[in-house]
ModelCIF file with pLDDT and N, C-alpha, C, O atoms, coordinates in Angstrom:
data_MODEL
#
_entry.id   MODEL 
#
_entity.id                         1 
_entity.type                       polymer 
_entity.pdbx_number_of_molecules   1 
#
_entity_poly.entity_id                      1 
_entity_poly.type                           'polypeptide(L)' 
_entity_poly.nstd_linkage                   no 
_entity_poly.nstd_monomer                   no 
_entity_poly.pdbx_seq_one_letter_code       
;(UNK)(UNK)(UNK)(UNK)(UNK)(UNK)(UNK)(UNK)(UNK)(UNK)(UNK)(UNK)(UNK)(UNK)(UNK)(UNK)
(UNK)(UNK)(UNK)(UNK)(UNK)(UNK)(UNK)(UNK)(UNK)(UNK)(UNK)(UNK)(UNK)(UNK)(UNK)(UNK)
(UNK)(UNK)(UNK)(UNK)(UNK)(UNK)(UNK)(UNK)(UNK)(UNK)(UNK)(UNK)(UNK)(UNK)(UNK)
;
_entity_poly.pdbx_seq_one_letter_code_can   XXXXXXXXXXXXXXXXXXXXXXXXXXXXXXXXXXXXXXXXXXXXXXX 
_entity_poly.pdbx_strand_id                 A 
#
loop_
_entity_poly_seq.entity_id 
_entity_poly_seq.num 
_entity_poly_seq.mon_id 
_entity_poly_seq.hetero 
1 1  UNK n 
1 2  UNK n 
1 3  UNK n 
1 4  UNK n 
1 5  UNK n 
1 6  UNK n 
1 7  UNK n 
1 8  UNK n 
1 9  UNK n 
1 10 UNK n 
1 11 UNK n 
1 12 UNK n 
1 13 UNK n 
1 14 UNK n 
1 15 UNK n 
1 16 UNK n 
1 17 UNK n 
1 18 UNK n 
1 19 UNK n 
1 20 UNK n 
1 21 UNK n 
1 22 UNK n 
1 23 UNK n 
1 24 UNK n 
1 25 UNK n 
1 26 UNK n 
1 27 UNK n 
1 28 UNK n 
1 29 UNK n 
1 30 UNK n 
1 31 UNK n 
1 32 UNK n 
1 33 UNK n 
1 34 UNK n 
1 35 UNK n 
1 36 UNK n 
1 37 UNK n 
1 38 UNK n 
1 39 UNK n 
1 40 UNK n 
1 41 UNK n 
1 42 UNK n 
1 43 UNK n 
1 44 UNK n 
1 45 UNK n 
1 46 UNK n 
1 47 UNK n 
#
_struct_asym.id          A 
_struct_asym.entity_id   1 
#
loop_
_ma_qa_metric.id 
_ma_qa_metric.mode 
_ma_qa_metric.name 
_ma_qa_metric.software_group_id 
_ma_qa_metric.type 
1 global pLDDT . pLDDT 
2 local  pLDDT . pLDDT 
#
_ma_qa_metric_global.metric_id      1 
_ma_qa_metric_global.metric_value   88.68 
_ma_qa_metric_global.model_id       1 
_ma_qa_metric_global.ordinal_id     1 
#
loop_
_ma_qa_metric_local.label_asym_id 
_ma_qa_metric_local.label_comp_id 
_ma_qa_metric_local.label_seq_id 
_ma_qa_metric_local.metric_id 
_ma_qa_metric_local.metric_value 
_ma_qa_metric_local.model_id 
_ma_qa_metric_local.ordinal_id 
A UNK 1  2 89.00 1 1  
A UNK 2  2 89.00 1 2  
A UNK 3  2 88.00 1 3  
A UNK 4  2 90.00 1 4  
A UNK 5  2 90.00 1 5  
A UNK 6  2 91.00 1 6  
A UNK 7  2 92.00 1 7  
A UNK 8  2 92.00 1 8  
A UNK 9  2 91.00 1 9  
A UNK 10 2 90.00 1 10 
A UNK 11 2 88.00 1 11 
A UNK 12 2 90.00 1 12 
A UNK 13 2 92.00 1 13 
A UNK 14 2 93.00 1 14 
A UNK 15 2 92.00 1 15 
A UNK 16 2 92.00 1 16 
A UNK 17 2 91.00 1 17 
A UNK 18 2 91.00 1 18 
A UNK 19 2 90.00 1 19 
A UNK 20 2 92.00 1 20 
A UNK 21 2 92.00 1 21 
A UNK 22 2 92.00 1 22 
A UNK 23 2 93.00 1 23 
A UNK 24 2 91.00 1 24 
A UNK 25 2 91.00 1 25 
A UNK 26 2 90.00 1 26 
A UNK 27 2 89.00 1 27 
A UNK 28 2 88.00 1 28 
A UNK 29 2 87.00 1 29 
A UNK 30 2 85.00 1 30 
A UNK 31 2 87.00 1 31 
A UNK 32 2 88.00 1 32 
A UNK 33 2 86.00 1 33 
A UNK 34 2 87.00 1 34 
A UNK 35 2 86.00 1 35 
A UNK 36 2 88.00 1 36 
A UNK 37 2 86.00 1 37 
A UNK 38 2 88.00 1 38 
A UNK 39 2 85.00 1 39 
A UNK 40 2 83.00 1 40 
A UNK 41 2 84.00 1 41 
A UNK 42 2 85.00 1 42 
A UNK 43 2 87.00 1 43 
A UNK 44 2 84.00 1 44 
A UNK 45 2 86.00 1 45 
A UNK 46 2 83.00 1 46 
A UNK 47 2 84.00 1 47 
#
loop_
_atom_site.group_PDB 
_atom_site.id 
_atom_site.type_symbol 
_atom_site.label_atom_id 
_atom_site.label_alt_id 
_atom_site.label_comp_id 
_atom_site.label_asym_id 
_atom_site.label_entity_id 
_atom_site.label_seq_id 
_atom_site.pdbx_PDB_ins_code 
_atom_site.Cartn_x 
_atom_site.Cartn_y 
_atom_site.Cartn_z 
_atom_site.occupancy 
_atom_site.B_iso_or_equiv 
_atom_site.pdbx_formal_charge 
_atom_site.auth_seq_id 
_atom_site.auth_comp_id 
_atom_site.auth_asym_id 
_atom_site.auth_atom_id 
_atom_site.pdbx_PDB_model_num 
ATOM 1   N N  . UNK A 1 1  ? -154.447 58.072 18.092 1.00 89.00 ? 1  UNK A N  1 
ATOM 2   C CA . UNK A 1 1  ? -153.453 58.465 17.395 1.00 89.00 ? 1  UNK A CA 1 
ATOM 3   C C  . UNK A 1 1  ? -152.186 59.136 17.922 1.00 89.00 ? 1  UNK A C  1 
ATOM 4   O O  . UNK A 1 1  ? -152.312 60.306 18.284 1.00 89.00 ? 1  UNK A O  1 
ATOM 5   N N  . UNK A 1 2  ? -150.880 58.515 18.024 1.00 89.00 ? 2  UNK A N  1 
ATOM 6   C CA . UNK A 1 2  ? -149.910 58.655 18.813 1.00 89.00 ? 2  UNK A CA 1 
ATOM 7   C C  . UNK A 1 2  ? -148.672 59.384 17.768 1.00 89.00 ? 2  UNK A C  1 
ATOM 8   O O  . UNK A 1 2  ? -147.769 59.992 18.342 1.00 89.00 ? 2  UNK A O  1 
ATOM 9   N N  . UNK A 1 3  ? -148.658 59.323 16.576 1.00 88.00 ? 3  UNK A N  1 
ATOM 10  C CA . UNK A 1 3  ? -147.680 59.881 15.773 1.00 88.00 ? 3  UNK A CA 1 
ATOM 11  C C  . UNK A 1 3  ? -148.093 59.788 14.332 1.00 88.00 ? 3  UNK A C  1 
ATOM 12  O O  . UNK A 1 3  ? -149.144 59.193 14.093 1.00 88.00 ? 3  UNK A O  1 
ATOM 13  N N  . UNK A 1 4  ? -147.494 60.232 13.475 1.00 90.00 ? 4  UNK A N  1 
ATOM 14  C CA . UNK A 1 4  ? -147.965 60.178 12.095 1.00 90.00 ? 4  UNK A CA 1 
ATOM 15  C C  . UNK A 1 4  ? -148.391 58.715 11.721 1.00 90.00 ? 4  UNK A C  1 
ATOM 16  O O  . UNK A 1 4  ? -147.645 57.753 11.907 1.00 90.00 ? 4  UNK A O  1 
ATOM 17  N N  . UNK A 1 5  ? -149.405 58.638 11.284 1.00 90.00 ? 5  UNK A N  1 
ATOM 18  C CA . UNK A 1 5  ? -150.055 57.190 10.972 1.00 90.00 ? 5  UNK A CA 1 
ATOM 19  C C  . UNK A 1 5  ? -149.676 55.925 11.757 1.00 90.00 ? 5  UNK A C  1 
ATOM 20  O O  . UNK A 1 5  ? -149.558 54.764 11.367 1.00 90.00 ? 5  UNK A O  1 
ATOM 21  N N  . UNK A 1 6  ? -149.490 56.568 13.179 1.00 91.00 ? 6  UNK A N  1 
ATOM 22  C CA . UNK A 1 6  ? -149.297 55.491 14.128 1.00 91.00 ? 6  UNK A CA 1 
ATOM 23  C C  . UNK A 1 6  ? -150.485 55.502 15.030 1.00 91.00 ? 6  UNK A C  1 
ATOM 24  O O  . UNK A 1 6  ? -150.956 56.491 15.590 1.00 91.00 ? 6  UNK A O  1 
ATOM 25  N N  . UNK A 1 7  ? -150.906 54.266 15.095 1.00 92.00 ? 7  UNK A N  1 
ATOM 26  C CA . UNK A 1 7  ? -152.086 54.200 16.166 1.00 92.00 ? 7  UNK A CA 1 
ATOM 27  C C  . UNK A 1 7  ? -151.573 53.546 17.430 1.00 92.00 ? 7  UNK A C  1 
ATOM 28  O O  . UNK A 1 7  ? -150.551 52.861 17.376 1.00 92.00 ? 7  UNK A O  1 
ATOM 29  N N  . UNK A 1 8  ? -152.371 53.756 18.811 1.00 92.00 ? 8  UNK A N  1 
ATOM 30  C CA . UNK A 1 8  ? -151.897 52.884 19.746 1.00 92.00 ? 8  UNK A CA 1 
ATOM 31  C C  . UNK A 1 8  ? -153.241 52.406 20.214 1.00 92.00 ? 8  UNK A C  1 
ATOM 32  O O  . UNK A 1 8  ? -153.992 53.223 20.746 1.00 92.00 ? 8  UNK A O  1 
ATOM 33  N N  . UNK A 1 9  ? -153.611 51.152 20.062 1.00 91.00 ? 9  UNK A N  1 
ATOM 34  C CA . UNK A 1 9  ? -154.930 50.317 20.502 1.00 91.00 ? 9  UNK A CA 1 
ATOM 35  C C  . UNK A 1 9  ? -155.208 50.279 21.486 1.00 91.00 ? 9  UNK A C  1 
ATOM 36  O O  . UNK A 1 9  ? -154.310 50.124 22.314 1.00 91.00 ? 9  UNK A O  1 
ATOM 37  N N  . UNK A 1 10 ? -156.464 50.387 21.895 1.00 90.00 ? 10 UNK A N  1 
ATOM 38  C CA . UNK A 1 10 ? -157.074 50.077 23.194 1.00 90.00 ? 10 UNK A CA 1 
ATOM 39  C C  . UNK A 1 10 ? -157.087 48.707 23.575 1.00 90.00 ? 10 UNK A C  1 
ATOM 40  O O  . UNK A 1 10 ? -157.057 47.881 22.663 1.00 90.00 ? 10 UNK A O  1 
ATOM 41  N N  . UNK A 1 11 ? -157.130 48.279 24.855 1.00 88.00 ? 11 UNK A N  1 
ATOM 42  C CA . UNK A 1 11 ? -157.086 46.856 25.175 1.00 88.00 ? 11 UNK A CA 1 
ATOM 43  C C  . UNK A 1 11 ? -158.030 46.054 24.503 1.00 88.00 ? 11 UNK A C  1 
ATOM 44  O O  . UNK A 1 11 ? -159.203 46.423 24.443 1.00 88.00 ? 11 UNK A O  1 
ATOM 45  N N  . UNK A 1 12 ? -157.605 44.868 23.927 1.00 90.00 ? 12 UNK A N  1 
ATOM 46  C CA . UNK A 1 12 ? -158.285 44.071 23.105 1.00 90.00 ? 12 UNK A CA 1 
ATOM 47  C C  . UNK A 1 12 ? -158.772 44.152 21.649 1.00 90.00 ? 12 UNK A C  1 
ATOM 48  O O  . UNK A 1 12 ? -159.657 43.537 21.054 1.00 90.00 ? 12 UNK A O  1 
ATOM 49  N N  . UNK A 1 13 ? -157.768 45.265 21.205 1.00 92.00 ? 13 UNK A N  1 
ATOM 50  C CA . UNK A 1 13 ? -157.969 45.405 19.744 1.00 92.00 ? 13 UNK A CA 1 
ATOM 51  C C  . UNK A 1 13 ? -156.584 45.269 19.315 1.00 92.00 ? 13 UNK A C  1 
ATOM 52  O O  . UNK A 1 13 ? -155.677 45.206 20.145 1.00 92.00 ? 13 UNK A O  1 
ATOM 53  N N  . UNK A 1 14 ? -156.324 45.208 17.756 1.00 93.00 ? 14 UNK A N  1 
ATOM 54  C CA . UNK A 1 14 ? -155.009 45.189 17.221 1.00 93.00 ? 14 UNK A CA 1 
ATOM 55  C C  . UNK A 1 14 ? -155.079 45.694 15.763 1.00 93.00 ? 14 UNK A C  1 
ATOM 56  O O  . UNK A 1 14 ? -156.164 46.189 15.455 1.00 93.00 ? 14 UNK A O  1 
ATOM 57  N N  . UNK A 1 15 ? -154.204 45.664 14.887 1.00 92.00 ? 15 UNK A N  1 
ATOM 58  C CA . UNK A 1 15 ? -154.379 46.058 13.515 1.00 92.00 ? 15 UNK A CA 1 
ATOM 59  C C  . UNK A 1 15 ? -153.368 47.706 13.511 1.00 92.00 ? 15 UNK A C  1 
ATOM 60  O O  . UNK A 1 15 ? -152.938 48.331 14.480 1.00 92.00 ? 15 UNK A O  1 
ATOM 61  N N  . UNK A 1 16 ? -153.255 48.002 12.084 1.00 92.00 ? 16 UNK A N  1 
ATOM 62  C CA . UNK A 1 16 ? -152.540 49.040 11.914 1.00 92.00 ? 16 UNK A CA 1 
ATOM 63  C C  . UNK A 1 16 ? -153.444 50.218 12.385 1.00 92.00 ? 16 UNK A C  1 
ATOM 64  O O  . UNK A 1 16 ? -152.910 51.152 12.983 1.00 92.00 ? 16 UNK A O  1 
ATOM 65  N N  . UNK A 1 17 ? -154.945 50.224 12.119 1.00 91.00 ? 17 UNK A N  1 
ATOM 66  C CA . UNK A 1 17 ? -155.683 51.049 12.270 1.00 91.00 ? 17 UNK A CA 1 
ATOM 67  C C  . UNK A 1 17 ? -156.534 50.934 13.610 1.00 91.00 ? 17 UNK A C  1 
ATOM 68  O O  . UNK A 1 17 ? -157.427 51.703 13.969 1.00 91.00 ? 17 UNK A O  1 
ATOM 69  N N  . UNK A 1 18 ? -156.005 49.669 14.350 1.00 91.00 ? 18 UNK A N  1 
ATOM 70  C CA . UNK A 1 18 ? -157.166 49.154 15.515 1.00 91.00 ? 18 UNK A CA 1 
ATOM 71  C C  . UNK A 1 18 ? -158.550 48.917 15.382 1.00 91.00 ? 18 UNK A C  1 
ATOM 72  O O  . UNK A 1 18 ? -159.431 49.270 16.166 1.00 91.00 ? 18 UNK A O  1 
ATOM 73  N N  . UNK A 1 19 ? -158.698 48.146 14.083 1.00 90.00 ? 19 UNK A N  1 
ATOM 74  C CA . UNK A 1 19 ? -160.176 47.759 13.622 1.00 90.00 ? 19 UNK A CA 1 
ATOM 75  C C  . UNK A 1 19 ? -160.226 46.477 13.868 1.00 90.00 ? 19 UNK A C  1 
ATOM 76  O O  . UNK A 1 19 ? -161.226 45.865 13.494 1.00 90.00 ? 19 UNK A O  1 
ATOM 77  N N  . UNK A 1 20 ? -159.482 45.989 14.345 1.00 92.00 ? 20 UNK A N  1 
ATOM 78  C CA . UNK A 1 20 ? -159.470 44.440 14.487 1.00 92.00 ? 20 UNK A CA 1 
ATOM 79  C C  . UNK A 1 20 ? -159.757 43.817 15.942 1.00 92.00 ? 20 UNK A C  1 
ATOM 80  O O  . UNK A 1 20 ? -158.939 44.116 16.813 1.00 92.00 ? 20 UNK A O  1 
ATOM 81  N N  . UNK A 1 21 ? -160.618 43.149 16.228 1.00 92.00 ? 21 UNK A N  1 
ATOM 82  C CA . UNK A 1 21 ? -160.705 42.508 17.633 1.00 92.00 ? 21 UNK A CA 1 
ATOM 83  C C  . UNK A 1 21 ? -159.481 41.614 18.002 1.00 92.00 ? 21 UNK A C  1 
ATOM 84  O O  . UNK A 1 21 ? -159.193 40.804 17.120 1.00 92.00 ? 21 UNK A O  1 
ATOM 85  N N  . UNK A 1 22 ? -158.743 41.590 19.056 1.00 92.00 ? 22 UNK A N  1 
ATOM 86  C CA . UNK A 1 22 ? -157.637 40.816 19.288 1.00 92.00 ? 22 UNK A CA 1 
ATOM 87  C C  . UNK A 1 22 ? -158.410 39.666 19.947 1.00 92.00 ? 22 UNK A C  1 
ATOM 88  O O  . UNK A 1 22 ? -159.295 39.829 20.787 1.00 92.00 ? 22 UNK A O  1 
ATOM 89  N N  . UNK A 1 23 ? -157.937 38.370 19.429 1.00 93.00 ? 23 UNK A N  1 
ATOM 90  C CA . UNK A 1 23 ? -158.518 36.791 19.970 1.00 93.00 ? 23 UNK A CA 1 
ATOM 91  C C  . UNK A 1 23 ? -157.593 36.713 20.847 1.00 93.00 ? 23 UNK A C  1 
ATOM 92  O O  . UNK A 1 23 ? -156.483 36.281 20.537 1.00 93.00 ? 23 UNK A O  1 
ATOM 93  N N  . UNK A 1 24 ? -157.968 37.227 22.439 1.00 91.00 ? 24 UNK A N  1 
ATOM 94  C CA . UNK A 1 24 ? -156.817 37.014 23.419 1.00 91.00 ? 24 UNK A CA 1 
ATOM 95  C C  . UNK A 1 24 ? -157.145 35.354 23.866 1.00 91.00 ? 24 UNK A C  1 
ATOM 96  O O  . UNK A 1 24 ? -156.455 34.918 24.788 1.00 91.00 ? 24 UNK A O  1 
ATOM 97  N N  . UNK A 1 25 ? -157.898 34.671 23.410 1.00 91.00 ? 25 UNK A N  1 
ATOM 98  C CA . UNK A 1 25 ? -157.881 32.983 23.679 1.00 91.00 ? 25 UNK A CA 1 
ATOM 99  C C  . UNK A 1 25 ? -156.728 32.394 22.787 1.00 91.00 ? 25 UNK A C  1 
ATOM 100 O O  . UNK A 1 25 ? -156.259 31.306 23.122 1.00 91.00 ? 25 UNK A O  1 
ATOM 101 N N  . UNK A 1 26 ? -156.253 33.016 21.711 1.00 90.00 ? 26 UNK A N  1 
ATOM 102 C CA . UNK A 1 26 ? -155.190 32.519 21.209 1.00 90.00 ? 26 UNK A CA 1 
ATOM 103 C C  . UNK A 1 26 ? -153.841 32.952 21.404 1.00 90.00 ? 26 UNK A C  1 
ATOM 104 O O  . UNK A 1 26 ? -152.886 32.627 20.698 1.00 90.00 ? 26 UNK A O  1 
ATOM 105 N N  . UNK A 1 27 ? -153.810 33.859 22.607 1.00 89.00 ? 27 UNK A N  1 
ATOM 106 C CA . UNK A 1 27 ? -152.668 34.330 22.800 1.00 89.00 ? 27 UNK A CA 1 
ATOM 107 C C  . UNK A 1 27 ? -151.642 33.407 23.677 1.00 89.00 ? 27 UNK A C  1 
ATOM 108 O O  . UNK A 1 27 ? -152.251 32.481 24.212 1.00 89.00 ? 27 UNK A O  1 
ATOM 109 N N  . UNK A 1 28 ? -150.211 33.423 23.967 1.00 88.00 ? 28 UNK A N  1 
ATOM 110 C CA . UNK A 1 28 ? -149.516 32.604 24.488 1.00 88.00 ? 28 UNK A CA 1 
ATOM 111 C C  . UNK A 1 28 ? -148.906 33.474 25.700 1.00 88.00 ? 28 UNK A C  1 
ATOM 112 O O  . UNK A 1 28 ? -148.536 34.611 25.406 1.00 88.00 ? 28 UNK A O  1 
ATOM 113 N N  . UNK A 1 29 ? -148.762 33.031 27.085 1.00 87.00 ? 29 UNK A N  1 
ATOM 114 C CA . UNK A 1 29 ? -149.508 31.952 27.704 1.00 87.00 ? 29 UNK A CA 1 
ATOM 115 C C  . UNK A 1 29 ? -151.169 32.290 27.457 1.00 87.00 ? 29 UNK A C  1 
ATOM 116 O O  . UNK A 1 29 ? -151.546 33.455 27.336 1.00 87.00 ? 29 UNK A O  1 
ATOM 117 N N  . UNK A 1 30 ? -151.999 31.278 27.404 1.00 85.00 ? 30 UNK A N  1 
ATOM 118 C CA . UNK A 1 30 ? -153.542 31.481 27.271 1.00 85.00 ? 30 UNK A CA 1 
ATOM 119 C C  . UNK A 1 30 ? -154.172 32.156 28.833 1.00 85.00 ? 30 UNK A C  1 
ATOM 120 O O  . UNK A 1 30 ? -153.744 31.853 29.947 1.00 85.00 ? 30 UNK A O  1 
ATOM 121 N N  . UNK A 1 31 ? -154.854 32.753 28.651 1.00 87.00 ? 31 UNK A N  1 
ATOM 122 C CA . UNK A 1 31 ? -155.559 33.742 29.553 1.00 87.00 ? 31 UNK A CA 1 
ATOM 123 C C  . UNK A 1 31 ? -156.296 33.104 30.579 1.00 87.00 ? 31 UNK A C  1 
ATOM 124 O O  . UNK A 1 31 ? -156.506 33.519 31.719 1.00 87.00 ? 31 UNK A O  1 
ATOM 125 N N  . UNK A 1 32 ? -156.759 31.782 29.913 1.00 88.00 ? 32 UNK A N  1 
ATOM 126 C CA . UNK A 1 32 ? -157.690 31.020 30.904 1.00 88.00 ? 32 UNK A CA 1 
ATOM 127 C C  . UNK A 1 32 ? -157.210 29.651 31.077 1.00 88.00 ? 32 UNK A C  1 
ATOM 128 O O  . UNK A 1 32 ? -156.640 29.012 30.193 1.00 88.00 ? 32 UNK A O  1 
ATOM 129 N N  . UNK A 1 33 ? -157.447 29.258 32.172 1.00 86.00 ? 33 UNK A N  1 
ATOM 130 C CA . UNK A 1 33 ? -156.888 27.842 32.526 1.00 86.00 ? 33 UNK A CA 1 
ATOM 131 C C  . UNK A 1 33 ? -157.494 26.588 31.647 1.00 86.00 ? 33 UNK A C  1 
ATOM 132 O O  . UNK A 1 33 ? -156.836 25.667 31.164 1.00 86.00 ? 33 UNK A O  1 
ATOM 133 N N  . UNK A 1 34 ? -158.702 26.760 31.578 1.00 87.00 ? 34 UNK A N  1 
ATOM 134 C CA . UNK A 1 34 ? -159.585 25.701 30.866 1.00 87.00 ? 34 UNK A CA 1 
ATOM 135 C C  . UNK A 1 34 ? -160.266 26.160 29.316 1.00 87.00 ? 34 UNK A C  1 
ATOM 136 O O  . UNK A 1 34 ? -159.805 25.692 28.275 1.00 87.00 ? 34 UNK A O  1 
ATOM 137 N N  . UNK A 1 35 ? -161.204 26.954 29.325 1.00 86.00 ? 35 UNK A N  1 
ATOM 138 C CA . UNK A 1 35 ? -161.857 27.159 28.669 1.00 86.00 ? 35 UNK A CA 1 
ATOM 139 C C  . UNK A 1 35 ? -161.950 28.774 28.316 1.00 86.00 ? 35 UNK A C  1 
ATOM 140 O O  . UNK A 1 35 ? -162.004 29.546 29.273 1.00 86.00 ? 35 UNK A O  1 
ATOM 141 N N  . UNK A 1 36 ? -161.968 29.289 27.023 1.00 88.00 ? 36 UNK A N  1 
ATOM 142 C CA . UNK A 1 36 ? -161.846 30.679 26.697 1.00 88.00 ? 36 UNK A CA 1 
ATOM 143 C C  . UNK A 1 36 ? -162.814 31.066 25.627 1.00 88.00 ? 36 UNK A C  1 
ATOM 144 O O  . UNK A 1 36 ? -162.912 30.419 24.584 1.00 88.00 ? 36 UNK A O  1 
ATOM 145 N N  . UNK A 1 37 ? -163.514 32.106 25.889 1.00 86.00 ? 37 UNK A N  1 
ATOM 146 C CA . UNK A 1 37 ? -164.524 32.795 24.975 1.00 86.00 ? 37 UNK A CA 1 
ATOM 147 C C  . UNK A 1 37 ? -164.014 33.874 24.560 1.00 86.00 ? 37 UNK A C  1 
ATOM 148 O O  . UNK A 1 37 ? -163.672 34.621 25.476 1.00 86.00 ? 37 UNK A O  1 
ATOM 149 N N  . UNK A 1 38 ? -163.765 34.373 23.193 1.00 88.00 ? 38 UNK A N  1 
ATOM 150 C CA . UNK A 1 38 ? -163.397 35.567 22.813 1.00 88.00 ? 38 UNK A CA 1 
ATOM 151 C C  . UNK A 1 38 ? -164.655 36.262 22.541 1.00 88.00 ? 38 UNK A C  1 
ATOM 152 O O  . UNK A 1 38 ? -165.599 35.855 21.864 1.00 88.00 ? 38 UNK A O  1 
ATOM 153 N N  . UNK A 1 39 ? -164.517 37.487 23.234 1.00 85.00 ? 39 UNK A N  1 
ATOM 154 C CA . UNK A 1 39 ? -165.726 38.533 22.947 1.00 85.00 ? 39 UNK A CA 1 
ATOM 155 C C  . UNK A 1 39 ? -165.070 39.856 22.498 1.00 85.00 ? 39 UNK A C  1 
ATOM 156 O O  . UNK A 1 39 ? -163.874 40.112 22.635 1.00 85.00 ? 39 UNK A O  1 
ATOM 157 N N  . UNK A 1 40 ? -165.982 40.653 21.955 1.00 83.00 ? 40 UNK A N  1 
ATOM 158 C CA . UNK A 1 40 ? -165.653 41.898 21.158 1.00 83.00 ? 40 UNK A CA 1 
ATOM 159 C C  . UNK A 1 40 ? -164.865 42.811 22.305 1.00 83.00 ? 40 UNK A C  1 
ATOM 160 O O  . UNK A 1 40 ? -165.451 43.182 23.322 1.00 83.00 ? 40 UNK A O  1 
ATOM 161 N N  . UNK A 1 41 ? -163.481 43.130 22.033 1.00 84.00 ? 41 UNK A N  1 
ATOM 162 C CA . UNK A 1 41 ? -162.432 43.633 22.758 1.00 84.00 ? 41 UNK A CA 1 
ATOM 163 C C  . UNK A 1 41 ? -162.220 43.113 24.202 1.00 84.00 ? 41 UNK A C  1 
ATOM 164 O O  . UNK A 1 41 ? -161.776 43.847 25.086 1.00 84.00 ? 41 UNK A O  1 
ATOM 165 N N  . UNK A 1 42 ? -162.549 41.840 24.402 1.00 85.00 ? 42 UNK A N  1 
ATOM 166 C CA . UNK A 1 42 ? -162.346 41.186 25.700 1.00 85.00 ? 42 UNK A CA 1 
ATOM 167 C C  . UNK A 1 42 ? -162.355 39.741 25.341 1.00 85.00 ? 42 UNK A C  1 
ATOM 168 O O  . UNK A 1 42 ? -162.312 39.294 24.195 1.00 85.00 ? 42 UNK A O  1 
ATOM 169 N N  . UNK A 1 43 ? -162.416 39.048 26.471 1.00 87.00 ? 43 UNK A N  1 
ATOM 170 C CA . UNK A 1 43 ? -162.679 37.815 26.727 1.00 87.00 ? 43 UNK A CA 1 
ATOM 171 C C  . UNK A 1 43 ? -163.409 37.260 27.990 1.00 87.00 ? 43 UNK A C  1 
ATOM 172 O O  . UNK A 1 43 ? -163.562 37.927 29.013 1.00 87.00 ? 43 UNK A O  1 
ATOM 173 N N  . UNK A 1 44 ? -163.760 36.233 27.858 1.00 84.00 ? 44 UNK A N  1 
ATOM 174 C CA . UNK A 1 44 ? -164.192 35.348 29.200 1.00 84.00 ? 44 UNK A CA 1 
ATOM 175 C C  . UNK A 1 44 ? -163.819 33.894 29.439 1.00 84.00 ? 44 UNK A C  1 
ATOM 176 O O  . UNK A 1 44 ? -163.967 33.041 28.564 1.00 84.00 ? 44 UNK A O  1 
ATOM 177 N N  . UNK A 1 45 ? -163.269 33.601 30.800 1.00 86.00 ? 45 UNK A N  1 
ATOM 178 C CA . UNK A 1 45 ? -162.862 32.193 31.093 1.00 86.00 ? 45 UNK A CA 1 
ATOM 179 C C  . UNK A 1 45 ? -164.081 31.593 31.764 1.00 86.00 ? 45 UNK A C  1 
ATOM 180 O O  . UNK A 1 45 ? -164.859 32.198 32.502 1.00 86.00 ? 45 UNK A O  1 
ATOM 181 N N  . UNK A 1 46 ? -164.144 30.166 31.364 1.00 83.00 ? 46 UNK A N  1 
ATOM 182 C CA . UNK A 1 46 ? -165.174 29.293 32.028 1.00 83.00 ? 46 UNK A CA 1 
ATOM 183 C C  . UNK A 1 46 ? -164.066 27.890 32.195 1.00 83.00 ? 46 UNK A C  1 
ATOM 184 O O  . UNK A 1 46 ? -162.961 27.682 31.694 1.00 83.00 ? 46 UNK A O  1 
ATOM 185 N N  . UNK A 1 47 ? -164.892 27.099 33.099 1.00 84.00 ? 47 UNK A N  1 
ATOM 186 C CA . UNK A 1 47 ? -164.327 26.065 33.582 1.00 84.00 ? 47 UNK A CA 1 
ATOM 187 C C  . UNK A 1 47 ? -165.053 24.597 33.054 1.00 84.00 ? 47 UNK A C  1 
ATOM 188 O O  . UNK A 1 47 ? -164.612 23.515 33.441 1.00 84.00 ? 47 UNK A O  1 
#
């Protein structure tokens, strides 16, 4: 909590109250060159 009803999410999370996993695989630019697997709070690359 960084302000009245204002959250700063840890890396890999999103939403007003930081309760949703951020799907890094859907971000632009894509974090992986070939294939990407979204994980809870993170992601993994594979070729």
